[in-house]
Structures are given as structure tokens and as C-alpha cells.
Amino acid sequence: MLDVGLNNELSYWVVDHLNAVRIWPTGLMGLWKKFQVSLKIIVKHKLFDSSMTLAVLLNTVVMGMESHGMSEEVKDFTI
């Protein structure tokens, strides 16, 4: 039988510490992984999310302005 006298606090610290350590592959795959991680940090930022929402909103407004004032005949032709 194994001894069950583990220190839970120390065990949790070790697991948290090991989860915080990032091991990078070497060579081209290492560069690719660093690029992916950097891109993920940017994409998960709230400023990026807000700017994408703004871009979609502006795109919708511009597309609506493009067809505003056209006759139905011209609208049918362009679609």
C-alpha cells in the first residue's frame, strides 16, 4: 500500500506552478506556436472584440446607404 500522507497544499502549489510553465517546441514549430499564442492573446482581448463589432456595424450601415434611394428596378438588377 502507498502512504496516503500527501500534503494537499503543496500538491496544489506544484500543479499550479507546472500549469503556469510553458514549454516551447524547438525549430519552426516553436516559432509557429509562439505566433499562435500571441495571436490568441490579441484575439481574446476585449478591444479586439469591440473593434470587430464596430466593423460589422459600419459595414451594415455602408451597405444600407449604398442601396438607399435606388428604385426597385435598379435594386433587383444589382442583387
C-alpha atoms as a PDB file:
ATOM      1  CA  MET A   1       0.000   0.000   0.000  1.00  0.00           C
ATOM      2  CA  LEU A   2       1.063   3.537  -0.704  1.00  0.00           C
ATOM      3  CA  ASP A   3       1.392   6.094   2.019  1.00  0.00           C
ATOM      4  CA  VAL A   4      -1.559   8.499   1.866  1.00  0.00           C
ATOM      5  CA  GLY A   5       0.161  11.242   3.845  1.00  0.00           C
ATOM      6  CA  LEU A   6       0.305  13.763   0.998  1.00  0.00           C
ATOM      7  CA  ASN A   7       0.401  17.459   1.684  1.00  0.00           C
ATOM      8  CA  ASN A   8      -2.577  18.775  -0.303  1.00  0.00           C
ATOM      9  CA  GLU A   9      -1.499  22.402  -0.124  1.00  0.00           C
ATOM     10  CA  LEU A  10       1.943  21.591  -1.513  1.00  0.00           C
ATOM     11  CA  SER A  11       0.423  19.328  -4.171  1.00  0.00           C
ATOM     12  CA  TYR A  12      -1.885  22.101  -5.389  1.00  0.00           C
ATOM     13  CA  TRP A  13       1.032  24.553  -5.467  1.00  0.00           C
ATOM     14  CA  VAL A  14       3.096  22.149  -7.581  1.00  0.00           C
ATOM     15  CA  VAL A  15       0.223  21.579 -10.019  1.00  0.00           C
ATOM     16  CA  ASP A  16      -0.452  25.326 -10.325  1.00  0.00           C
ATOM     17  CA  HIS A  17       3.234  26.026 -10.868  1.00  0.00           C
ATOM     18  CA  LEU A  18       3.571  23.354 -13.547  1.00  0.00           C
ATOM     19  CA  ASN A  19       0.454  24.617 -15.332  1.00  0.00           C
ATOM     20  CA  ALA A  20       1.987  28.101 -15.483  1.00  0.00           C
ATOM     21  CA  VAL A  21       5.172  26.854 -17.170  1.00  0.00           C
ATOM     22  CA  ARG A  22       5.019  26.875 -20.962  1.00  0.00           C
ATOM     23  CA  ILE A  23       7.381  24.586 -22.820  1.00  0.00           C
ATOM     24  CA  TRP A  24       8.095  25.743 -26.363  1.00  0.00           C
ATOM     25  CA  PRO A  25       8.939  23.293 -29.133  1.00  0.00           C
ATOM     26  CA  THR A  26      12.194  23.941 -30.953  1.00  0.00           C
ATOM     27  CA  GLY A  27      12.689  24.961 -34.549  1.00  0.00           C
ATOM     28  CA  LEU A  28       9.968  26.035 -36.938  1.00  0.00           C
ATOM     29  CA  MET A  29       7.192  24.525 -34.817  1.00  0.00           C
ATOM     30  CA  GLY A  30       8.351  26.634 -31.866  1.00  0.00           C
ATOM     31  CA  LEU A  31       8.054  29.826 -33.905  1.00  0.00           C
ATOM     32  CA  TRP A  32       4.630  28.766 -35.149  1.00  0.00           C
ATOM     33  CA  LYS A  33       3.473  28.015 -31.584  1.00  0.00           C
ATOM     34  CA  LYS A  34       4.708  31.406 -30.328  1.00  0.00           C
ATOM     35  CA  PHE A  35       2.838  33.098 -33.188  1.00  0.00           C
ATOM     36  CA  GLN A  36      -0.348  31.192 -32.321  1.00  0.00           C
ATOM     37  CA  VAL A  37      -0.127  32.100 -28.632  1.00  0.00           C
ATOM     38  CA  SER A  38       0.497  35.777 -29.439  1.00  0.00           C
ATOM     39  CA  LEU A  39      -2.427  35.829 -31.857  1.00  0.00           C
ATOM     40  CA  LYS A  40      -4.694  34.143 -29.310  1.00  0.00           C
ATOM     41  CA  ILE A  41      -3.830  36.810 -26.715  1.00  0.00           C
ATOM     42  CA  ILE A  42      -4.737  39.563 -29.191  1.00  0.00           C
ATOM     43  CA  VAL A  43      -7.983  37.927 -30.329  1.00  0.00           C
ATOM     44  CA  LYS A  44      -9.207  37.309 -26.775  1.00  0.00           C
ATOM     45  CA  HIS A  45      -8.718  40.969 -25.784  1.00  0.00           C
ATOM     46  CA  LYS A  46     -11.920  42.977 -25.271  1.00  0.00           C
ATOM     47  CA  LEU A  47     -10.634  45.803 -27.505  1.00  0.00           C
ATOM     48  CA  PHE A  48     -10.395  43.370 -30.439  1.00  0.00           C
ATOM     49  CA  ASP A  49     -13.936  42.164 -29.800  1.00  0.00           C
ATOM     50  CA  SER A  50     -15.242  45.728 -29.686  1.00  0.00           C
ATOM     51  CA  SER A  51     -13.407  46.698 -32.871  1.00  0.00           C
ATOM     52  CA  MET A  52     -14.823  43.685 -34.749  1.00  0.00           C
ATOM     53  CA  THR A  53     -18.342  44.581 -33.588  1.00  0.00           C
ATOM     54  CA  LEU A  54     -17.792  48.155 -34.760  1.00  0.00           C
ATOM     55  CA  ALA A  55     -16.528  46.922 -38.144  1.00  0.00           C
ATOM     56  CA  VAL A  56     -19.645  44.783 -38.641  1.00  0.00           C
ATOM     57  CA  LEU A  57     -21.890  47.679 -37.645  1.00  0.00           C
ATOM     58  CA  LEU A  58     -20.139  50.090 -40.008  1.00  0.00           C
ATOM     59  CA  ASN A  59     -20.296  47.535 -42.813  1.00  0.00           C
ATOM     60  CA  THR A  60     -24.043  47.170 -42.300  1.00  0.00           C
ATOM     61  CA  VAL A  61     -24.537  50.956 -42.364  1.00  0.00           C
ATOM     62  CA  VAL A  62     -22.438  51.368 -45.527  1.00  0.00           C
ATOM     63  CA  MET A  63     -24.283  48.554 -47.299  1.00  0.00           C
ATOM     64  CA  GLY A  64     -27.611  50.126 -46.298  1.00  0.00           C
ATOM     65  CA  MET A  65     -26.516  53.543 -47.543  1.00  0.00           C
ATOM     66  CA  GLU A  66     -25.430  52.050 -50.847  1.00  0.00           C
ATOM     67  CA  SER A  67     -28.951  50.954 -51.757  1.00  0.00           C
ATOM     68  CA  HIS A  68     -30.817  53.867 -50.142  1.00  0.00           C
ATOM     69  CA  GLY A  69     -32.651  55.955 -52.740  1.00  0.00           C
ATOM     70  CA  MET A  70     -32.433  53.392 -55.540  1.00  0.00           C
ATOM     71  CA  SER A  71     -35.537  52.443 -57.414  1.00  0.00           C
ATOM     72  CA  GLU A  72     -36.823  48.897 -57.015  1.00  0.00           C
ATOM     73  CA  GLU A  73     -35.893  48.161 -60.627  1.00  0.00           C
ATOM     74  CA  VAL A  74     -32.231  49.021 -60.032  1.00  0.00           C
ATOM     75  CA  LYS A  75     -32.168  47.140 -56.714  1.00  0.00           C
ATOM     76  CA  ASP A  76     -33.400  43.965 -58.407  1.00  0.00           C
ATOM     77  CA  PHE A  77     -30.736  44.328 -61.077  1.00  0.00           C
ATOM     78  CA  THR A  78     -27.872  44.753 -58.588  1.00  0.00           C
ATOM     79  CA  ILE A  79     -28.840  41.762 -56.466  1.00  0.00           C
END
